[in-house]
């Protein structure tokens, strides 16, 4: 009788708890899996390299770009009139450089596995493809072919130490990682420092929320190109989110 009463008590307790909660379904696509939201309108905030970004640098001014002798020779041959005559005004608007040009971005989901970045400067469109590989033998383009993935957390899930001023956004990911290949040869800046068609662009997009609630993201770009660079060219670019499309003004590429 004692064992029967114990069994009844256990059964009653389980009945009161109800059925076990269903396990969450895994995300079906990159949009569902997104730990952070990069969509919306963004404006670049120039916090570094002002003199090389806000105006076209003088010919031969390649400060902070690790050009090798061949790259420097190519850069010193820069001729914007020649680029215009050849219809190549967009050489400084390819994926390795377009994020550095002061302007605005509009980020949307083109589909459930493709994040789209439209830049008003040069009217360029980048497509970040999740869950795949770059096609072999595809035609080269200014924006190349970008393969993207959500990075796992690297700094924990909690808030930063008191006084740092910003909190991490997202519960599972630190940033978006993008690798771009299949590039058409272009310039790292508007005054002609080159990158080749064999260059590899690696990017890390990191979102944060400031104390006043403003979303920002910084993209760290790493350009690897043994043909023209003696070492990888690394830069970081900051963007602040806008409430709407104010100031959005797509315009053509300029060689000057």
Protein backbone atom coordinates (compact mmCIF):
# COMPACT_ATOMS: atom_id res chain seq x y z
CA UNK A 1 0.00 0.00 0.00
CA UNK A 2 2.88 2.36 0.84
CA UNK A 3 4.40 1.89 -2.64
CA UNK A 4 1.02 2.42 -4.31
CA UNK A 5 0.54 5.74 -2.51
CA UNK A 6 4.06 6.85 -3.53
CA UNK A 7 3.35 6.00 -7.19
CA UNK A 8 0.07 7.93 -7.08
CA UNK A 9 1.87 10.96 -5.60
CA UNK A 10 4.50 10.91 -8.36
CA UNK A 11 1.88 10.51 -11.08
CA UNK A 12 -0.12 13.40 -9.64
CA UNK A 13 2.96 15.63 -9.60
CA UNK A 14 3.73 14.88 -13.25
CA UNK A 15 0.12 15.53 -14.18
CA UNK A 16 0.26 18.94 -12.52
CA UNK A 17 3.45 19.81 -14.41
CA UNK A 18 1.78 19.06 -17.73
CA UNK A 19 3.50 17.85 -20.90
CA UNK A 20 7.13 18.68 -21.48
CA UNK A 21 7.60 21.86 -23.52
CA UNK A 22 8.27 21.30 -27.18
CA UNK A 23 11.83 21.81 -28.32
CA UNK A 24 12.31 24.96 -30.41
CA UNK A 25 12.57 24.29 -34.09
CA UNK A 26 15.90 25.11 -35.70
CA UNK A 27 15.86 28.14 -38.00
CA UNK A 28 15.00 27.28 -41.58
CA UNK A 29 17.12 29.96 -43.21
CA UNK A 30 19.65 32.73 -42.59
CA UNK A 31 16.98 35.37 -42.03
CA UNK A 32 15.39 33.34 -39.23
CA UNK A 33 18.81 32.53 -37.76
CA UNK A 34 19.95 36.17 -37.71
CA UNK A 35 21.12 37.01 -34.17
CA UNK A 36 21.16 40.72 -35.02
CA UNK A 37 19.26 42.98 -37.40
CA UNK A 38 21.29 44.95 -39.93
CA UNK A 39 18.31 46.04 -42.02
CA UNK A 40 17.47 49.69 -42.48
CA UNK A 41 19.18 52.89 -43.58
CA UNK A 42 22.67 53.69 -42.31
CA UNK A 43 25.00 56.68 -42.67
CA UNK A 44 28.78 56.42 -42.52
CA UNK A 45 30.55 58.27 -39.71
CA UNK A 46 34.12 59.12 -40.67
CA UNK A 47 36.22 58.37 -37.59
CA UNK A 48 39.51 57.54 -39.29
CA UNK A 49 41.41 58.39 -42.49
CA UNK A 50 39.39 61.58 -42.96
CA UNK A 51 41.93 63.15 -45.37
CA UNK A 52 41.87 60.11 -47.67
CA UNK A 53 38.11 59.53 -47.57
CA UNK A 54 36.41 62.92 -47.62
CA UNK A 55 38.39 64.11 -50.65
CA UNK A 56 40.25 62.31 -53.41
CA UNK A 57 43.88 62.01 -52.24
CA UNK A 58 46.70 63.46 -54.29
CA UNK A 59 48.33 61.22 -56.85
CA UNK A 60 50.89 59.00 -55.16
CA UNK A 61 49.50 59.50 -51.64
CA UNK A 62 49.09 55.88 -50.52
CA UNK A 63 49.65 56.35 -46.78
CA UNK A 64 48.62 53.33 -44.65
CA UNK A 65 48.12 51.08 -47.70
CA UNK A 66 50.87 48.39 -47.75
CA UNK A 67 51.53 48.44 -51.49
CA UNK A 68 54.45 46.40 -52.78
CA UNK A 69 56.67 47.84 -55.55
CA UNK A 70 54.37 46.57 -58.30
CA UNK A 71 51.33 48.00 -56.55
CA UNK A 72 53.02 51.36 -56.08
CA UNK A 73 54.03 51.42 -59.75
CA UNK A 74 50.45 50.73 -60.80
CA UNK A 75 49.12 53.34 -58.38
CA UNK A 76 51.47 56.02 -59.67
CA UNK A 77 50.11 55.41 -63.16
CA UNK A 78 46.60 56.42 -62.07
CA UNK A 79 44.85 58.50 -64.73
CA UNK A 80 41.17 59.33 -64.04
CA UNK A 81 40.69 60.61 -67.60
CA UNK A 82 41.83 57.25 -68.93
CA UNK A 83 39.39 55.45 -66.61
CA UNK A 84 36.56 57.69 -67.80
CA UNK A 85 37.40 57.06 -71.44
CA UNK A 86 37.38 53.30 -70.79
CA UNK A 87 34.04 53.44 -68.94
CA UNK A 88 35.71 52.33 -65.70
CA UNK A 89 34.65 55.16 -63.40
CA UNK A 90 33.64 52.55 -60.79
CA UNK A 91 37.13 51.18 -60.13
CA UNK A 92 37.08 52.70 -56.61
CA UNK A 93 33.54 51.46 -55.88
CA UNK A 94 34.21 47.71 -55.77
CA UNK A 95 33.54 45.66 -52.64
CA UNK A 96 37.00 46.25 -51.10
CA UNK A 97 36.49 50.04 -51.19
CA UNK A 98 32.81 50.97 -51.44
CA UNK A 99 32.15 50.72 -47.69
CA UNK A 100 34.90 53.31 -47.11
CA UNK A 101 33.31 55.96 -49.34
CA UNK A 102 31.32 58.38 -47.14
CA UNK A 103 27.64 57.96 -47.87
CA UNK A 104 24.59 55.91 -46.98
CA UNK A 105 23.61 52.25 -47.09
CA UNK A 106 20.23 50.59 -47.36
CA UNK A 107 20.29 47.00 -46.09
CA UNK A 108 17.43 44.59 -46.79
CA UNK A 109 16.80 40.88 -47.23
CA UNK A 110 16.67 40.10 -50.96
CA UNK A 111 15.39 36.65 -49.98
CA UNK A 112 15.59 34.39 -46.93
CA UNK A 113 19.26 33.56 -47.55
CA UNK A 114 20.58 36.71 -49.22
CA UNK A 115 21.31 39.99 -47.45
CA UNK A 116 21.40 42.97 -49.82
CA UNK A 117 23.46 46.11 -49.28
CA UNK A 118 22.70 49.07 -51.54
CA UNK A 119 25.16 51.98 -51.46
CA UNK A 120 24.05 55.38 -52.68
CA UNK A 121 27.62 56.27 -53.65
CA UNK A 122 28.11 54.81 -57.11
CA UNK A 123 24.66 53.15 -56.94
CA UNK A 124 26.29 49.83 -56.08
CA UNK A 125 24.52 46.67 -54.86
CA UNK A 126 26.16 43.93 -52.83
CA UNK A 127 24.57 40.52 -52.27
CA UNK A 128 25.71 38.46 -49.28
CA UNK A 129 24.89 34.79 -49.86
CA UNK A 130 24.41 32.47 -46.87
CA UNK A 131 24.83 28.71 -46.95
CA UNK A 132 26.79 28.27 -50.12
CA UNK A 133 30.07 28.59 -51.95
CA UNK A 134 31.23 30.96 -54.64
CA UNK A 135 30.57 29.49 -58.09
CA UNK A 136 33.59 28.37 -60.07
CA UNK A 137 34.39 30.25 -63.24
CA UNK A 138 31.81 33.00 -62.72
CA UNK A 139 32.23 36.38 -64.36
CA UNK A 140 34.19 38.89 -62.29
CA UNK A 141 32.35 42.02 -61.13
CA UNK A 142 32.94 45.10 -59.01
CA UNK A 143 31.14 43.51 -56.04
CA UNK A 144 32.31 39.95 -56.69
CA UNK A 145 30.59 37.00 -55.03
CA UNK A 146 30.15 37.25 -51.26
CA UNK A 147 29.62 34.20 -49.02
CA UNK A 148 28.28 35.06 -45.55
CA UNK A 149 27.72 33.33 -42.21
CA UNK A 150 26.67 34.32 -38.70
CA UNK A 151 29.59 34.07 -36.32
CA UNK A 152 29.28 32.30 -32.97
CA UNK A 153 29.81 34.42 -29.86
CA UNK A 154 33.41 35.11 -28.91
CA UNK A 155 33.01 37.48 -25.95
CA UNK A 156 30.20 35.89 -24.00
CA UNK A 157 26.52 36.71 -23.87
CA UNK A 158 26.48 39.22 -21.04
CA UNK A 159 26.76 42.98 -21.01
CA UNK A 160 30.23 44.56 -21.11
CA UNK A 161 31.90 45.83 -17.99
CA UNK A 162 30.44 48.90 -16.40
CA UNK A 163 31.51 52.12 -18.07
CA UNK A 164 32.17 50.82 -21.58
CA UNK A 165 29.09 52.62 -22.87
CA UNK A 166 27.59 50.09 -25.27
CA UNK A 167 25.96 46.67 -25.08
CA UNK A 168 26.26 43.74 -27.43
CA UNK A 169 23.21 43.14 -29.59
CA UNK A 170 21.96 39.61 -30.14
CA UNK A 171 21.89 36.52 -27.97
CA UNK A 172 23.93 34.09 -30.07
CA UNK A 173 26.17 35.96 -32.48
CA UNK A 174 28.89 38.57 -32.32
CA UNK A 175 29.03 39.53 -35.95
CA UNK A 176 28.47 38.71 -39.57
CA UNK A 177 31.41 37.26 -41.43
CA UNK A 178 31.70 37.74 -45.19
CA UNK A 179 34.29 36.49 -47.70
CA UNK A 180 34.26 37.95 -51.21
CA UNK A 181 36.06 36.64 -54.29
CA UNK A 182 35.49 36.92 -58.04
CA UNK A 183 36.39 40.60 -58.03
CA UNK A 184 37.03 42.78 -61.03
CA UNK A 185 40.36 44.65 -60.55
CA UNK A 186 39.87 48.03 -58.94
CA UNK A 187 41.20 50.63 -56.51
CA UNK A 188 41.41 50.64 -52.72
CA UNK A 189 41.05 54.43 -52.82
CA UNK A 190 39.98 56.84 -55.52
CA UNK A 191 43.56 57.89 -56.36
CA UNK A 192 44.50 54.54 -57.82
CA UNK A 193 46.11 52.11 -55.30
CA UNK A 194 45.20 48.82 -56.95
CA UNK A 195 43.83 45.45 -56.01
CA UNK A 196 43.84 42.58 -58.48
CA UNK A 197 41.18 40.16 -59.64
CA UNK A 198 42.75 37.58 -57.35
CA UNK A 199 42.21 39.67 -54.21
CA UNK A 200 40.24 38.15 -51.33
CA UNK A 201 38.10 40.43 -49.18
CA UNK A 202 37.23 39.38 -45.63
CA UNK A 203 34.76 41.43 -43.58
CA UNK A 204 33.38 41.35 -40.04
CA UNK A 205 30.20 43.32 -39.30
CA UNK A 206 29.72 44.00 -35.58
CA UNK A 207 26.51 45.62 -34.26
CA UNK A 208 26.20 47.52 -30.98
CA UNK A 209 23.60 49.66 -29.20
CA UNK A 210 24.79 52.84 -27.55
CA UNK A 211 23.51 54.03 -24.15
CA UNK A 212 21.09 56.44 -25.83
CA UNK A 213 19.60 53.59 -27.89
CA UNK A 214 21.32 54.41 -31.18
CA UNK A 215 22.32 51.32 -33.20
CA UNK A 216 25.76 51.40 -34.78
CA UNK A 217 27.81 48.87 -36.66
CA UNK A 218 31.47 48.72 -37.52
CA UNK A 219 32.76 46.70 -40.44
CA UNK A 220 36.36 45.53 -40.32
CA UNK A 221 37.71 44.89 -43.81
CA UNK A 222 40.78 42.83 -44.63
CA UNK A 223 42.03 42.81 -48.21
CA UNK A 224 44.53 40.09 -49.11
CA UNK A 225 46.27 40.52 -52.46
CA UNK A 226 49.85 39.24 -52.86
CA UNK A 227 50.00 40.70 -56.37
CA UNK A 228 49.87 44.32 -55.17
CA UNK A 229 50.08 44.25 -51.36
CA UNK A 230 53.05 43.36 -49.15
CA UNK A 231 50.63 42.41 -46.34
CA UNK A 232 46.84 42.50 -45.79
CA UNK A 233 45.26 45.95 -45.85
CA UNK A 234 43.04 46.34 -42.76
CA UNK A 235 40.54 49.13 -42.09
CA UNK A 236 37.45 49.71 -39.94
CA UNK A 237 34.41 51.77 -40.94
CA UNK A 238 31.56 52.97 -38.71
CA UNK A 239 27.89 53.38 -39.58
CA UNK A 240 25.03 54.84 -37.54
CA UNK A 241 21.43 53.77 -38.14
CA UNK A 242 18.94 56.35 -39.41
CA UNK A 243 15.25 56.48 -38.56
CA UNK A 244 14.27 56.75 -42.23
CA UNK A 245 15.63 57.32 -45.73
CA UNK A 246 16.52 60.98 -45.13
CA UNK A 247 19.54 61.96 -47.21
CA UNK A 248 19.40 58.83 -49.37
CA UNK A 249 20.59 60.01 -52.78
CA UNK A 250 21.98 57.37 -55.17
CA UNK A 251 24.46 58.78 -57.66
CA UNK A 252 26.83 57.47 -60.35
CA UNK A 253 30.46 56.51 -59.87
CA UNK A 254 33.07 59.25 -60.18
CA UNK A 255 36.67 58.66 -61.25
CA UNK A 256 37.85 61.90 -59.65
